[in-house]
Amino acid sequence: MNAKETEVLNACMQAAISSDDGDTFIIDDLYNLIPDITKNSLKGYLSQLVQKGKLDKLEGCYYDFMLI
């Protein structure tokens, strides 16, 4: 993983802390934690993290992603 992916993953972990189960989060929470990244770039990094097996993309629920 590169430095930016690590930064995004750390923000994901921080965002998940406040969730009901401590493993899930919504994208909007990340924008506040990483203010210097565009929405499109963030979505790209999240997609890379899913491909690398660090996150699961959730469908049909309140949360967008889950930490693995």
N, C-alpha and C. Protein backbone atom coordinates (compact mmCIF):
# COMPACT_ATOMS: atom_id res chain seq x y z
N MET A 1 0.85 -1.19 0.00
CA MET A 1 0.00 0.00 0.00
C MET A 1 0.89 1.24 0.00
N ASN A 2 0.43 2.26 -0.72
CA ASN A 2 1.18 3.50 -0.73
C ASN A 2 0.76 4.39 0.44
N ALA A 3 1.42 5.52 0.61
CA ALA A 3 1.19 6.39 1.77
C ALA A 3 -0.23 6.94 1.80
N LYS A 4 -0.78 7.30 0.65
CA LYS A 4 -2.13 7.87 0.63
C LYS A 4 -3.17 6.80 0.96
N GLU A 5 -2.99 5.58 0.46
CA GLU A 5 -3.90 4.49 0.81
C GLU A 5 -3.86 4.22 2.31
N THR A 6 -2.69 4.27 2.89
CA THR A 6 -2.55 4.08 4.33
C THR A 6 -3.25 5.19 5.09
N GLU A 7 -3.12 6.43 4.61
CA GLU A 7 -3.80 7.56 5.24
C GLU A 7 -5.32 7.39 5.18
N VAL A 8 -5.83 6.95 4.04
CA VAL A 8 -7.27 6.74 3.87
C VAL A 8 -7.74 5.59 4.76
N LEU A 9 -6.97 4.51 4.81
CA LEU A 9 -7.35 3.38 5.66
C LEU A 9 -7.37 3.78 7.14
N ASN A 10 -6.40 4.58 7.56
CA ASN A 10 -6.39 5.06 8.95
C ASN A 10 -7.60 5.93 9.23
N ALA A 11 -8.00 6.76 8.28
CA ALA A 11 -9.20 7.58 8.43
C ALA A 11 -10.45 6.69 8.50
N CYS A 12 -10.47 5.62 7.73
CA CYS A 12 -11.59 4.67 7.77
C CYS A 12 -11.71 4.06 9.16
N MET A 13 -10.58 3.67 9.72
CA MET A 13 -10.58 3.09 11.07
C MET A 13 -11.07 4.10 12.10
N GLN A 14 -10.65 5.34 11.93
CA GLN A 14 -11.08 6.39 12.86
C GLN A 14 -12.58 6.65 12.72
N ALA A 15 -13.08 6.66 11.49
CA ALA A 15 -14.51 6.89 11.26
C ALA A 15 -15.35 5.73 11.80
N ALA A 16 -14.82 4.51 11.70
CA ALA A 16 -15.57 3.33 12.14
C ALA A 16 -15.72 3.27 13.66
N ILE A 17 -14.82 3.92 14.38
CA ILE A 17 -14.88 3.89 15.84
C ILE A 17 -16.23 4.37 16.36
N SER A 18 -16.80 5.36 15.70
CA SER A 18 -18.07 5.94 16.17
C SER A 18 -19.30 5.21 15.65
N SER A 19 -19.12 4.15 14.87
CA SER A 19 -20.27 3.41 14.36
C SER A 19 -20.82 2.47 15.42
N ASP A 20 -21.97 1.89 15.13
CA ASP A 20 -22.63 0.97 16.06
C ASP A 20 -21.77 -0.23 16.42
N ASP A 21 -21.05 -0.76 15.43
CA ASP A 21 -20.28 -1.99 15.66
C ASP A 21 -18.76 -1.77 15.66
N GLY A 22 -18.32 -0.56 15.34
CA GLY A 22 -16.90 -0.27 15.33
C GLY A 22 -16.16 -0.73 14.08
N ASP A 23 -16.89 -1.27 13.10
CA ASP A 23 -16.27 -1.77 11.87
C ASP A 23 -16.81 -1.11 10.60
N THR A 24 -17.87 -0.34 10.70
CA THR A 24 -18.51 0.22 9.51
C THR A 24 -18.46 1.74 9.55
N PHE A 25 -18.59 2.35 8.37
CA PHE A 25 -18.57 3.80 8.28
C PHE A 25 -19.22 4.26 6.98
N ILE A 26 -19.56 5.55 6.94
CA ILE A 26 -20.09 6.15 5.72
C ILE A 26 -19.03 7.06 5.12
N ILE A 27 -19.08 7.22 3.82
CA ILE A 27 -18.09 8.03 3.11
C ILE A 27 -18.05 9.46 3.64
N ASP A 28 -19.21 10.03 3.93
CA ASP A 28 -19.26 11.42 4.36
C ASP A 28 -18.41 11.69 5.60
N ASP A 29 -18.26 10.70 6.47
CA ASP A 29 -17.41 10.87 7.65
C ASP A 29 -15.95 11.05 7.27
N LEU A 30 -15.54 10.47 6.16
CA LEU A 30 -14.15 10.56 5.74
C LEU A 30 -13.78 11.94 5.22
N TYR A 31 -14.74 12.63 4.61
CA TYR A 31 -14.44 13.96 4.07
C TYR A 31 -13.99 14.91 5.17
N ASN A 32 -14.51 14.75 6.36
CA ASN A 32 -14.12 15.61 7.47
C ASN A 32 -12.74 15.21 8.02
N LEU A 33 -12.38 13.95 7.88
CA LEU A 33 -11.10 13.46 8.41
C LEU A 33 -9.94 13.68 7.45
N ILE A 34 -10.23 13.77 6.17
CA ILE A 34 -9.18 14.00 5.15
C ILE A 34 -9.61 15.18 4.28
N PRO A 35 -9.49 16.39 4.78
CA PRO A 35 -10.01 17.55 4.05
C PRO A 35 -9.23 17.89 2.77
N ASP A 36 -8.02 17.39 2.60
CA ASP A 36 -7.21 17.75 1.44
C ASP A 36 -7.36 16.79 0.26
N ILE A 37 -8.42 15.99 0.26
CA ILE A 37 -8.63 15.02 -0.81
C ILE A 37 -9.98 15.28 -1.47
N THR A 38 -10.04 15.14 -2.79
CA THR A 38 -11.31 15.34 -3.49
C THR A 38 -12.19 14.10 -3.32
N LYS A 39 -13.46 14.29 -3.56
CA LYS A 39 -14.40 13.16 -3.44
C LYS A 39 -14.06 12.05 -4.42
N ASN A 40 -13.73 12.43 -5.65
CA ASN A 40 -13.40 11.41 -6.66
C ASN A 40 -12.12 10.66 -6.30
N SER A 41 -11.12 11.37 -5.79
CA SER A 41 -9.89 10.70 -5.38
C SER A 41 -10.15 9.75 -4.23
N LEU A 42 -10.96 10.20 -3.27
CA LEU A 42 -11.28 9.36 -2.12
C LEU A 42 -11.98 8.08 -2.57
N LYS A 43 -12.93 8.21 -3.48
CA LYS A 43 -13.63 7.03 -3.99
C LYS A 43 -12.66 6.07 -4.68
N GLY A 44 -11.68 6.62 -5.38
CA GLY A 44 -10.67 5.78 -6.02
C GLY A 44 -9.83 5.02 -5.01
N TYR A 45 -9.41 5.70 -3.95
CA TYR A 45 -8.63 5.03 -2.90
C TYR A 45 -9.46 3.97 -2.19
N LEU A 46 -10.72 4.26 -1.94
CA LEU A 46 -11.60 3.27 -1.30
C LEU A 46 -11.74 2.04 -2.19
N SER A 47 -11.87 2.25 -3.48
CA SER A 47 -11.97 1.14 -4.43
C SER A 47 -10.69 0.29 -4.40
N GLN A 48 -9.54 0.95 -4.33
CA GLN A 48 -8.28 0.23 -4.25
C GLN A 48 -8.19 -0.59 -2.96
N LEU A 49 -8.68 -0.02 -1.87
CA LEU A 49 -8.66 -0.73 -0.59
C LEU A 49 -9.59 -1.94 -0.60
N VAL A 50 -10.70 -1.83 -1.33
CA VAL A 50 -11.60 -2.98 -1.49
C VAL A 50 -10.88 -4.08 -2.29
N GLN A 51 -10.22 -3.68 -3.37
CA GLN A 51 -9.50 -4.65 -4.21
C GLN A 51 -8.38 -5.33 -3.44
N LYS A 52 -7.77 -4.62 -2.50
CA LYS A 52 -6.66 -5.17 -1.72
C LYS A 52 -7.13 -5.93 -0.49
N GLY A 53 -8.45 -6.03 -0.32
CA GLY A 53 -9.00 -6.84 0.76
C GLY A 53 -8.98 -6.16 2.13
N LYS A 54 -8.89 -4.85 2.15
CA LYS A 54 -8.89 -4.11 3.42
C LYS A 54 -10.28 -3.66 3.83
N LEU A 55 -11.17 -3.49 2.83
CA LEU A 55 -12.54 -3.03 3.06
C LEU A 55 -13.51 -3.89 2.28
N ASP A 56 -14.75 -3.93 2.73
CA ASP A 56 -15.87 -4.51 1.97
C ASP A 56 -16.83 -3.39 1.66
N LYS A 57 -17.32 -3.34 0.42
CA LYS A 57 -18.34 -2.37 0.03
C LYS A 57 -19.69 -2.95 0.43
N LEU A 58 -20.46 -2.19 1.18
CA LEU A 58 -21.78 -2.65 1.64
C LEU A 58 -22.87 -2.12 0.73
N GLU A 59 -23.87 -2.90 0.51
CA GLU A 59 -25.01 -2.53 -0.33
C GLU A 59 -26.29 -2.63 0.48
N GLY A 60 -27.20 -1.71 0.27
CA GLY A 60 -28.52 -1.80 0.86
C GLY A 60 -28.59 -1.54 2.35
N CYS A 61 -27.65 -0.82 2.91
CA CYS A 61 -27.72 -0.48 4.32
C CYS A 61 -27.22 0.95 4.53
N TYR A 62 -27.32 1.44 5.73
CA TYR A 62 -26.92 2.82 6.03
C TYR A 62 -25.43 3.05 5.79
N TYR A 63 -24.61 2.10 6.19
CA TYR A 63 -23.16 2.26 6.07
C TYR A 63 -22.70 1.90 4.66
N ASP A 64 -21.60 2.55 4.23
CA ASP A 64 -21.07 2.33 2.88
C ASP A 64 -19.99 1.25 2.83
N PHE A 65 -19.17 1.16 3.88
CA PHE A 65 -18.05 0.23 3.88
C PHE A 65 -17.88 -0.41 5.24
N MET A 66 -17.18 -1.55 5.25
CA MET A 66 -16.85 -2.26 6.48
C MET A 66 -15.37 -2.61 6.46
N LEU A 67 -14.71 -2.42 7.56
CA LEU A 67 -13.31 -2.83 7.70
C LEU A 67 -13.22 -4.35 7.75
N ILE A 68 -12.18 -4.89 7.15
CA ILE A 68 -11.97 -6.34 7.20
C ILE A 68 -10.85 -6.62 8.19
